[in-house]
Amino acid sequence: MKVKPLADRVLVKTEKSESKTASGIIIPETAQEKTQTATVCEVGPGTEKEKITVKVGERVMYDKYAGTSVKIDGEDYLILKNSDIIAVIEG
């Protein structure tokens, strides 16, 4: 299925981040209080007020509770507003 975001929205593939403590205890993503990362899959056309500032393929950071979760072909994605993206990760 192909999903094309509208207006100033961006479709991203979330990255799972399980952390393990030194003693081997796994801290699931839901218990972590940190900024989330994802890869941009599709971008909307933008609006006159809000231009899209990211490109497909870029890794971005966004706040933990931003966006709307969607499942596409069994995979977890997130639809964010362009303004919910706080940084582009380079390198």
PDB file of N, CA and C in Angstrom:
ATOM      1  N   MET A   1       0.837  -1.173   0.000  1.00  0.00           N
ATOM      2  CA  MET A   1       0.000   0.000   0.000  1.00  0.00           C
ATOM      3  C   MET A   1       0.883   1.239   0.000  1.00  0.00           C
ATOM      4  N   LYS A   2       0.524   2.226  -0.782  1.00  0.00           N
ATOM      5  CA  LYS A   2       1.277   3.485  -0.872  1.00  0.00           C
ATOM      6  C   LYS A   2       0.499   4.567  -0.139  1.00  0.00           C
ATOM      7  N   VAL A   3       1.153   5.270   0.761  1.00  0.00           N
ATOM      8  CA  VAL A   3       0.522   6.337   1.530  1.00  0.00           C
ATOM      9  C   VAL A   3       1.246   7.634   1.231  1.00  0.00           C
ATOM     10  N   LYS A   4       0.501   8.641   0.791  1.00  0.00           N
ATOM     11  CA  LYS A   4       1.075   9.957   0.490  1.00  0.00           C
ATOM     12  C   LYS A   4       0.487  10.970   1.468  1.00  0.00           C
ATOM     13  N   PRO A   5       1.303  11.528   2.374  1.00  0.00           N
ATOM     14  CA  PRO A   5       0.801  12.503   3.339  1.00  0.00           C
ATOM     15  C   PRO A   5       0.289  13.770   2.650  1.00  0.00           C
ATOM     16  N   LEU A   6      -0.667  14.414   3.277  1.00  0.00           N
ATOM     17  CA  LEU A   6      -1.234  15.653   2.756  1.00  0.00           C
ATOM     18  C   LEU A   6      -0.669  16.855   3.502  1.00  0.00           C
ATOM     19  N   ALA A   7      -0.771  18.011   2.878  1.00  0.00           N
ATOM     20  CA  ALA A   7      -0.384  19.300   3.461  1.00  0.00           C
ATOM     21  C   ALA A   7       1.032  19.266   4.041  1.00  0.00           C
ATOM     22  N   ASP A   8       1.169  19.616   5.321  1.00  0.00           N
ATOM     23  CA  ASP A   8       2.495  19.715   5.949  1.00  0.00           C
ATOM     24  C   ASP A   8       2.834  18.482   6.769  1.00  0.00           C
ATOM     25  N   ARG A   9       2.365  17.331   6.327  1.00  0.00           N
ATOM     26  CA  ARG A   9       2.591  16.092   7.078  1.00  0.00           C
ATOM     27  C   ARG A   9       3.722  15.263   6.451  1.00  0.00           C
ATOM     28  N   VAL A  10       4.349  14.432   7.294  1.00  0.00           N
ATOM     29  CA  VAL A  10       5.493  13.616   6.889  1.00  0.00           C
ATOM     30  C   VAL A  10       5.268  12.199   7.404  1.00  0.00           C
ATOM     31  N   LEU A  11       5.450  11.194   6.542  1.00  0.00           N
ATOM     32  CA  LEU A  11       5.347   9.790   6.935  1.00  0.00           C
ATOM     33  C   LEU A  11       6.742   9.290   7.268  1.00  0.00           C
ATOM     34  N   VAL A  12       6.915   8.755   8.489  1.00  0.00           N
ATOM     35  CA  VAL A  12       8.219   8.265   8.916  1.00  0.00           C
ATOM     36  C   VAL A  12       8.115   6.830   9.400  1.00  0.00           C
ATOM     37  N   LYS A  13       9.219   6.083   9.245  1.00  0.00           N
ATOM     38  CA  LYS A  13       9.339   4.715   9.757  1.00  0.00           C
ATOM     39  C   LYS A  13      10.066   4.823  11.078  1.00  0.00           C
ATOM     40  N   THR A  14       9.382   4.449  12.143  1.00  0.00           N
ATOM     41  CA  THR A  14       9.978   4.573  13.468  1.00  0.00           C
ATOM     42  C   THR A  14      11.096   3.563  13.660  1.00  0.00           C
ATOM     43  N   GLU A  15      12.075   3.944  14.462  1.00  0.00           N
ATOM     44  CA  GLU A  15      13.198   3.067  14.786  1.00  0.00           C
ATOM     45  C   GLU A  15      13.001   2.538  16.191  1.00  0.00           C
ATOM     46  N   LYS A  16      13.058   1.242  16.342  1.00  0.00           N
ATOM     47  CA  LYS A  16      12.937   0.621  17.662  1.00  0.00           C
ATOM     48  C   LYS A  16      14.239   0.812  18.405  1.00  0.00           C
ATOM     49  N   SER A  17      14.133   1.161  19.676  1.00  0.00           N
ATOM     50  CA  SER A  17      15.358   1.384  20.455  1.00  0.00           C
ATOM     51  C   SER A  17      15.231   0.723  21.819  1.00  0.00           C
ATOM     52  N   GLU A  18      15.602  -0.528  21.883  1.00  0.00           N
ATOM     53  CA  GLU A  18      15.627  -1.216  23.167  1.00  0.00           C
ATOM     54  C   GLU A  18      17.004  -1.018  23.784  1.00  0.00           C
ATOM     55  N   SER A  19      17.000  -0.590  25.008  1.00  0.00           N
ATOM     56  CA  SER A  19      18.261  -0.399  25.716  1.00  0.00           C
ATOM     57  C   SER A  19      18.433  -1.505  26.744  1.00  0.00           C
ATOM     58  N   LYS A  20      19.654  -1.873  26.944  1.00  0.00           N
ATOM     59  CA  LYS A  20      19.967  -2.916  27.916  1.00  0.00           C
ATOM     60  C   LYS A  20      20.913  -2.328  28.954  1.00  0.00           C
ATOM     61  N   THR A  21      20.591  -2.562  30.212  1.00  0.00           N
ATOM     62  CA  THR A  21      21.457  -2.077  31.288  1.00  0.00           C
ATOM     63  C   THR A  21      22.690  -2.965  31.384  1.00  0.00           C
ATOM     64  N   ALA A  22      23.657  -2.536  32.174  1.00  0.00           N
ATOM     65  CA  ALA A  22      24.897  -3.296  32.348  1.00  0.00           C
ATOM     66  C   ALA A  22      24.633  -4.681  32.924  1.00  0.00           C
ATOM     67  N   SER A  23      23.575  -4.806  33.718  1.00  0.00           N
ATOM     68  CA  SER A  23      23.261  -6.108  34.323  1.00  0.00           C
ATOM     69  C   SER A  23      22.388  -6.977  33.421  1.00  0.00           C
ATOM     70  N   GLY A  24      22.059  -6.494  32.227  1.00  0.00           N
ATOM     71  CA  GLY A  24      21.306  -7.296  31.266  1.00  0.00           C
ATOM     72  C   GLY A  24      19.814  -7.076  31.267  1.00  0.00           C
ATOM     73  N   ILE A  25      19.310  -6.128  32.052  1.00  0.00           N
ATOM     74  CA  ILE A  25      17.880  -5.838  32.071  1.00  0.00           C
ATOM     75  C   ILE A  25      17.544  -5.005  30.841  1.00  0.00           C
ATOM     76  N   ILE A  26      16.537  -5.446  30.082  1.00  0.00           N
ATOM     77  CA  ILE A  26      16.124  -4.722  28.880  1.00  0.00           C
ATOM     78  C   ILE A  26      15.057  -3.697  29.252  1.00  0.00           C
ATOM     79  N   ILE A  27      15.294  -2.451  28.845  1.00  0.00           N
ATOM     80  CA  ILE A  27      14.335  -1.379  29.070  1.00  0.00           C
ATOM     81  C   ILE A  27      13.584  -1.166  27.757  1.00  0.00           C
ATOM     82  N   PRO A  28      12.288  -1.503  27.697  1.00  0.00           N
ATOM     83  CA  PRO A  28      11.548  -1.357  26.446  1.00  0.00           C
ATOM     84  C   PRO A  28      11.380   0.102  26.042  1.00  0.00           C
ATOM     85  N   GLU A  29      11.113   0.307  24.763  1.00  0.00           N
ATOM     86  CA  GLU A  29      10.962   1.648  24.202  1.00  0.00           C
ATOM     87  C   GLU A  29       9.901   2.446  24.947  1.00  0.00           C
ATOM     88  N   THR A  30       8.823   1.798  25.367  1.00  0.00           N
ATOM     89  CA  THR A  30       7.725   2.502  26.036  1.00  0.00           C
ATOM     90  C   THR A  30       8.131   3.073  27.388  1.00  0.00           C
ATOM     91  N   ALA A  31       9.152   2.555  28.013  1.00  0.00           N
ATOM     92  CA  ALA A  31       9.589   3.035  29.323  1.00  0.00           C
ATOM     93  C   ALA A  31      10.701   4.071  29.230  1.00  0.00           C
ATOM     94  N   GLN A  32      11.209   4.302  28.045  1.00  0.00           N
ATOM     95  CA  GLN A  32      12.309   5.249  27.884  1.00  0.00           C
ATOM     96  C   GLN A  32      11.761   6.662  27.740  1.00  0.00           C
ATOM     97  N   GLU A  33      12.388   7.601  28.396  1.00  0.00           N
ATOM     98  CA  GLU A  33      11.983   8.999  28.321  1.00  0.00           C
ATOM     99  C   GLU A  33      13.016   9.776  27.514  1.00  0.00           C
ATOM    100  N   LYS A  34      13.044   9.552  26.219  1.00  0.00           N
ATOM    101  CA  LYS A  34      14.002  10.273  25.402  1.00  0.00           C
ATOM    102  C   LYS A  34      13.378  10.593  24.054  1.00  0.00           C
ATOM    103  N   THR A  35      14.032  11.443  23.308  1.00  0.00           N
ATOM    104  CA  THR A  35      13.564  11.818  21.984  1.00  0.00           C
ATOM    105  C   THR A  35      13.615  10.609  21.068  1.00  0.00           C
ATOM    106  N   GLN A  36      12.653  10.487  20.198  1.00  0.00           N
ATOM    107  CA  GLN A  36      12.533   9.362  19.286  1.00  0.00           C
ATOM    108  C   GLN A  36      13.192   9.690  17.946  1.00  0.00           C
ATOM    109  N   THR A  37      13.628   8.659  17.213  1.00  0.00           N
ATOM    110  CA  THR A  37      14.204   8.851  15.882  1.00  0.00           C
ATOM    111  C   THR A  37      13.435   8.020  14.868  1.00  0.00           C
ATOM    112  N   ALA A  38      13.481   8.471  13.619  1.00  0.00           N
ATOM    113  CA  ALA A  38      12.784   7.782  12.534  1.00  0.00           C
ATOM    114  C   ALA A  38      13.414   8.166  11.208  1.00  0.00           C
ATOM    115  N   THR A  39      13.053   7.415  10.162  1.00  0.00           N
ATOM    116  CA  THR A  39      13.510   7.705   8.810  1.00  0.00           C
ATOM    117  C   THR A  39      12.327   8.190   7.989  1.00  0.00           C
ATOM    118  N   VAL A  40      12.509   9.285   7.251  1.00  0.00           N
ATOM    119  CA  VAL A  40      11.444   9.862   6.437  1.00  0.00           C
ATOM    120  C   VAL A  40      11.181   8.973   5.229  1.00  0.00           C
ATOM    121  N   CYS A  41       9.909   8.571   5.035  1.00  0.00           N
ATOM    122  CA  CYS A  41       9.528   7.716   3.911  1.00  0.00           C
ATOM    123  C   CYS A  41       8.806   8.486   2.810  1.00  0.00           C
ATOM    124  N   GLU A  42       7.929   9.398   3.193  1.00  0.00           N
ATOM    125  CA  GLU A  42       7.171  10.216   2.248  1.00  0.00           C
ATOM    126  C   GLU A  42       6.945  11.582   2.865  1.00  0.00           C
ATOM    127  N   VAL A  43       6.817  12.599   2.024  1.00  0.00           N
ATOM    128  CA  VAL A  43       6.514  13.947   2.513  1.00  0.00           C
ATOM    129  C   VAL A  43       5.337  14.513   1.733  1.00  0.00           C
ATOM    130  N   GLY A  44       4.552  15.341   2.412  1.00  0.00           N
ATOM    131  CA  GLY A  44       3.453  16.029   1.756  1.00  0.00           C
ATOM    132  C   GLY A  44       3.971  17.217   0.969  1.00  0.00           C
ATOM    133  N   PRO A  45       3.096  17.900   0.237  1.00  0.00           N
ATOM    134  CA  PRO A  45       3.519  19.035  -0.581  1.00  0.00           C
ATOM    135  C   PRO A  45       3.797  20.310   0.212  1.00  0.00           C
ATOM    136  N   GLY A  46       3.380  20.353   1.476  1.00  0.00           N
ATOM    137  CA  GLY A  46       3.542  21.572   2.266  1.00  0.00           C
ATOM    138  C   GLY A  46       2.372  22.510   2.027  1.00  0.00           C
ATOM    139  N   THR A  47       2.367  23.610   2.749  1.00  0.00           N
ATOM    140  CA  THR A  47       1.330  24.632   2.584  1.00  0.00           C
ATOM    141  C   THR A  47       2.017  25.978   2.415  1.00  0.00           C
ATOM    142  N   GLU A  48       1.226  27.021   2.167  1.00  0.00           N
ATOM    143  CA  GLU A  48       1.817  28.350   2.036  1.00  0.00           C
ATOM    144  C   GLU A  48       2.464  28.794   3.341  1.00  0.00           C
ATOM    145  N   LYS A  49       1.862  28.413   4.468  1.00  0.00           N
ATOM    146  CA  LYS A  49       2.388  28.809   5.774  1.00  0.00           C
ATOM    147  C   LYS A  49       3.494  27.881   6.264  1.00  0.00           C
ATOM    148  N   GLU A  50       3.428  26.598   5.926  1.00  0.00           N
ATOM    149  CA  GLU A  50       4.375  25.599   6.446  1.00  0.00           C
ATOM    150  C   GLU A  50       5.031  24.847   5.295  1.00  0.00           C
ATOM    151  N   LYS A  51       6.268  25.183   4.992  1.00  0.00           N
ATOM    152  CA  LYS A  51       7.028  24.489   3.949  1.00  0.00           C
ATOM    153  C   LYS A  51       7.648  23.229   4.533  1.00  0.00           C
ATOM    154  N   ILE A  52       7.753  22.177   3.733  1.00  0.00           N
ATOM    155  CA  ILE A  52       8.380  20.937   4.183  1.00  0.00           C
ATOM    156  C   ILE A  52       9.896  21.137   4.193  1.00  0.00           C
ATOM    157  N   THR A  53      10.532  20.796   5.308  1.00  0.00           N
ATOM    158  CA  THR A  53      11.967  21.062   5.460  1.00  0.00           C
ATOM    159  C   THR A  53      12.813  19.790   5.476  1.00  0.00           C
ATOM    160  N   VAL A  54      12.183  18.618   5.299  1.00  0.00           N
ATOM    161  CA  VAL A  54      12.928  17.356   5.289  1.00  0.00           C
ATOM    162  C   VAL A  54      12.723  16.652   3.957  1.00  0.00           C
ATOM    163  N   LYS A  55      13.632  15.702   3.654  1.00  0.00           N
ATOM    164  CA  LYS A  55      13.558  14.943   2.404  1.00  0.00           C
ATOM    165  C   LYS A  55      13.454  13.459   2.710  1.00  0.00           C
ATOM    166  N   VAL A  56      12.930  12.718   1.760  1.00  0.00           N
ATOM    167  CA  VAL A  56      12.834  11.265   1.888  1.00  0.00           C
ATOM    168  C   VAL A  56      14.225  10.685   2.111  1.00  0.00           C
ATOM    169  N   GLY A  57      14.349   9.771   3.076  1.00  0.00           N
ATOM    170  CA  GLY A  57      15.614   9.120   3.372  1.00  0.00           C
ATOM    171  C   GLY A  57      16.365   9.722   4.545  1.00  0.00           C
ATOM    172  N   GLU A  58      16.021  10.934   4.945  1.00  0.00           N
ATOM    173  CA  GLU A  58      16.704  11.568   6.074  1.00  0.00           C
ATOM    174  C   GLU A  58      16.244  10.952   7.389  1.00  0.00           C
ATOM    175  N   ARG A  59      17.169  10.878   8.363  1.00  0.00           N
ATOM    176  CA  ARG A  59      16.817  10.451   9.722  1.00  0.00           C
ATOM    177  C   ARG A  59      16.496  11.702  10.520  1.00  0.00           C
ATOM    178  N   VAL A  60      15.402  11.644  11.274  1.00  0.00           N
ATOM    179  CA  VAL A  60      14.944  12.809  12.022  1.00  0.00           C
ATOM    180  C   VAL A  60      14.676  12.447  13.475  1.00  0.00           C
ATOM    181  N   MET A  61      14.619  13.479  14.328  1.00  0.00           N
ATOM    182  CA  MET A  61      14.251  13.335  15.733  1.00  0.00           C
ATOM    183  C   MET A  61      12.918  14.037  15.938  1.00  0.00           C
ATOM    184  N   TYR A  62      12.064  13.451  16.791  1.00  0.00           N
ATOM    185  CA  TYR A  62      10.767  14.045  17.095  1.00  0.00           C
ATOM    186  C   TYR A  62      10.420  13.740  18.548  1.00  0.00           C
ATOM    187  N   ASP A  63       9.507  14.520  19.105  1.00  0.00           N
ATOM    188  CA  ASP A  63       9.092  14.297  20.486  1.00  0.00           C
ATOM    189  C   ASP A  63       8.342  12.981  20.627  1.00  0.00           C
ATOM    190  N   LYS A  64       8.445  12.373  21.794  1.00  0.00           N
ATOM    191  CA  LYS A  64       7.917  11.031  22.048  1.00  0.00           C
ATOM    192  C   LYS A  64       6.427  10.894  21.741  1.00  0.00           C
ATOM    193  N   TYR A  65       5.617  11.876  22.076  1.00  0.00           N
ATOM    194  CA  TYR A  65       4.161  11.744  21.923  1.00  0.00           C
ATOM    195  C   TYR A  65       3.606  12.448  20.691  1.00  0.00           C
ATOM    196  N   ALA A  66       4.463  12.841  19.764  1.00  0.00           N
ATOM    197  CA  ALA A  66       4.018  13.542  18.553  1.00  0.00           C
ATOM    198  C   ALA A  66       3.476  12.557  17.520  1.00  0.00           C
ATOM    199  N   GLY A  67       2.592  13.033  16.664  1.00  0.00           N
ATOM    200  CA  GLY A  67       2.149  12.267  15.509  1.00  0.00           C
ATOM    201  C   GLY A  67       1.042  11.261  15.755  1.00  0.00           C
ATOM    202  N   THR A  68       0.686  10.573  14.660  1.00  0.00           N
ATOM    203  CA  THR A  68      -0.358   9.559  14.665  1.00  0.00           C
ATOM    204  C   THR A  68       0.241   8.250  14.180  1.00  0.00           C
ATOM    205  N   SER A  69       0.108   7.195  14.981  1.00  0.00           N
ATOM    206  CA  SER A  69       0.639   5.879  14.608  1.00  0.00           C
ATOM    207  C   SER A  69      -0.263   5.225  13.571  1.00  0.00           C
ATOM    208  N   VAL A  70       0.354   4.616  12.551  1.00  0.00           N
ATOM    209  CA  VAL A  70      -0.381   3.864  11.532  1.00  0.00           C
ATOM    210  C   VAL A  70       0.378   2.581  11.236  1.00  0.00           C
ATOM    211  N   LYS A  71      -0.343   1.553  10.821  1.00  0.00           N
ATOM    212  CA  LYS A  71       0.278   0.291  10.445  1.00  0.00           C
ATOM    213  C   LYS A  71       0.033   0.120   8.951  1.00  0.00           C
ATOM    214  N   ILE A  72       1.118  -0.025   8.176  1.00  0.00           N
ATOM    215  CA  ILE A  72       1.032  -0.178   6.719  1.00  0.00           C
ATOM    216  C   ILE A  72       1.756  -1.461   6.352  1.00  0.00           C
ATOM    217  N   ASP A  73       1.040  -2.382   5.742  1.00  0.00           N
ATOM    218  CA  ASP A  73       1.601  -3.677   5.350  1.00  0.00           C
ATOM    219  C   ASP A  73       2.315  -4.369   6.513  1.00  0.00           C
ATOM    220  N   GLY A  74       1.740  -4.270   7.717  1.00  0.00           N
ATOM    221  CA  GLY A  74       2.302  -4.933   8.883  1.00  0.00           C
ATOM    222  C   GLY A  74       3.452  -4.212   9.555  1.00  0.00           C
ATOM    223  N   GLU A  75       3.843  -3.060   9.047  1.00  0.00           N
ATOM    224  CA  GLU A  75       4.959  -2.278   9.605  1.00  0.00           C
ATOM    225  C   GLU A  75       4.408  -1.049  10.328  1.00  0.00           C
ATOM    226  N   ASP A  76       5.093  -0.620  11.393  1.00  0.00           N
ATOM    227  CA  ASP A  76       4.681   0.563  12.151  1.00  0.00           C
ATOM    228  C   ASP A  76       5.287   1.830  11.561  1.00  0.00           C
ATOM    229  N   TYR A  77       4.424   2.809  11.321  1.00  0.00           N
ATOM    230  CA  TYR A  77       4.832   4.114  10.804  1.00  0.00           C
ATOM    231  C   TYR A  77       4.189   5.182  11.665  1.00  0.00           C
ATOM    232  N   LEU A  78       4.599   6.416  11.426  1.00  0.00           N
ATOM    233  CA  LEU A  78       4.058   7.551  12.144  1.00  0.00           C
ATOM    234  C   LEU A  78       3.851   8.681  11.149  1.00  0.00           C
ATOM    235  N   ILE A  79       2.712   9.359  11.268  1.00  0.00           N
ATOM    236  CA  ILE A  79       2.482  10.548  10.444  1.00  0.00           C
ATOM    237  C   ILE A  79       2.655  11.747  11.367  1.00  0.00           C
ATOM    238  N   LEU A  80       3.659  12.564  11.060  1.00  0.00           N
ATOM    239  CA  LEU A  80       3.990  13.740  11.866  1.00  0.00           C
ATOM    240  C   LEU A  80       3.688  15.009  11.098  1.00  0.00           C
ATOM    241  N   LYS A  81       3.415  16.088  11.825  1.00  0.00           N
ATOM    242  CA  LYS A  81       3.395  17.400  11.194  1.00  0.00           C
ATOM    243  C   LYS A  81       4.861  17.812  11.037  1.00  0.00           C
ATOM    244  N   ASN A  82       5.155  18.562  10.011  1.00  0.00           N
ATOM    245  CA  ASN A  82       6.525  19.023   9.791  1.00  0.00           C
ATOM    246  C   ASN A  82       7.054  19.762  11.027  1.00  0.00           C
ATOM    247  N   SER A  83       6.187  20.505  11.700  1.00  0.00           N
ATOM    248  CA  SER A  83       6.611  21.274  12.880  1.00  0.00           C
ATOM    249  C   SER A  83       6.914  20.384  14.092  1.00  0.00           C
ATOM    250  N   ASP A  84       6.467  19.105  14.084  1.00  0.00           N
ATOM    251  CA  ASP A  84       6.772  18.174  15.174  1.00  0.00           C
ATOM    252  C   ASP A  84       8.194  17.627  15.081  1.00  0.00           C
ATOM    253  N   ILE A  85       8.815  17.753  13.918  1.00  0.00           N
ATOM    254  CA  ILE A  85      10.192  17.275  13.730  1.00  0.00           C
ATOM    255  C   ILE A  85      11.131  18.324  14.314  1.00  0.00           C
ATOM    256  N   ILE A  86      11.992  17.885  15.245  1.00  0.00           N
ATOM    257  CA  ILE A  86      12.840  18.846  15.942  1.00  0.00           C
ATOM    258  C   ILE A  86      14.267  18.926  15.422  1.00  0.00           C
ATOM    259  N   ALA A  87      14.713  17.889  14.658  1.00  0.00           N
ATOM    260  CA  ALA A  87      16.074  17.924  14.145  1.00  0.00           C
ATOM    261  C   ALA A  87      16.254  16.868  13.051  1.00  0.00           C
ATOM    262  N   VAL A  88      17.231  17.112  12.179  1.00  0.00           N
ATOM    263  CA  VAL A  88      17.663  16.126  11.190  1.00  0.00           C
ATOM    264  C   VAL A  88      18.987  15.579  11.683  1.00  0.00           C
ATOM    265  N   ILE A  89      19.127  14.256  11.662  1.00  0.00           N
ATOM    266  CA  ILE A  89      20.360  13.609  12.128  1.00  0.00           C
ATOM    267  C   ILE A  89      21.296  13.433  10.932  1.00  0.00           C
ATOM    268  N   GLU A  90      22.473  14.020  11.010  1.00  0.00           N
ATOM    269  CA  GLU A  90      23.447  13.894   9.929  1.00  0.00           C
ATOM    270  C   GLU A  90      24.580  12.967  10.354  1.00  0.00           C
ATOM    271  N   GLY A  91      25.073  12.225   9.382  1.00  0.00           N
ATOM    272  CA  GLY A  91      26.232  11.383   9.650  1.00  0.00           C
ATOM    273  C   GLY A  91      25.971  10.014  10.127  1.00  0.00           C
TER     274      GLY A  91
END
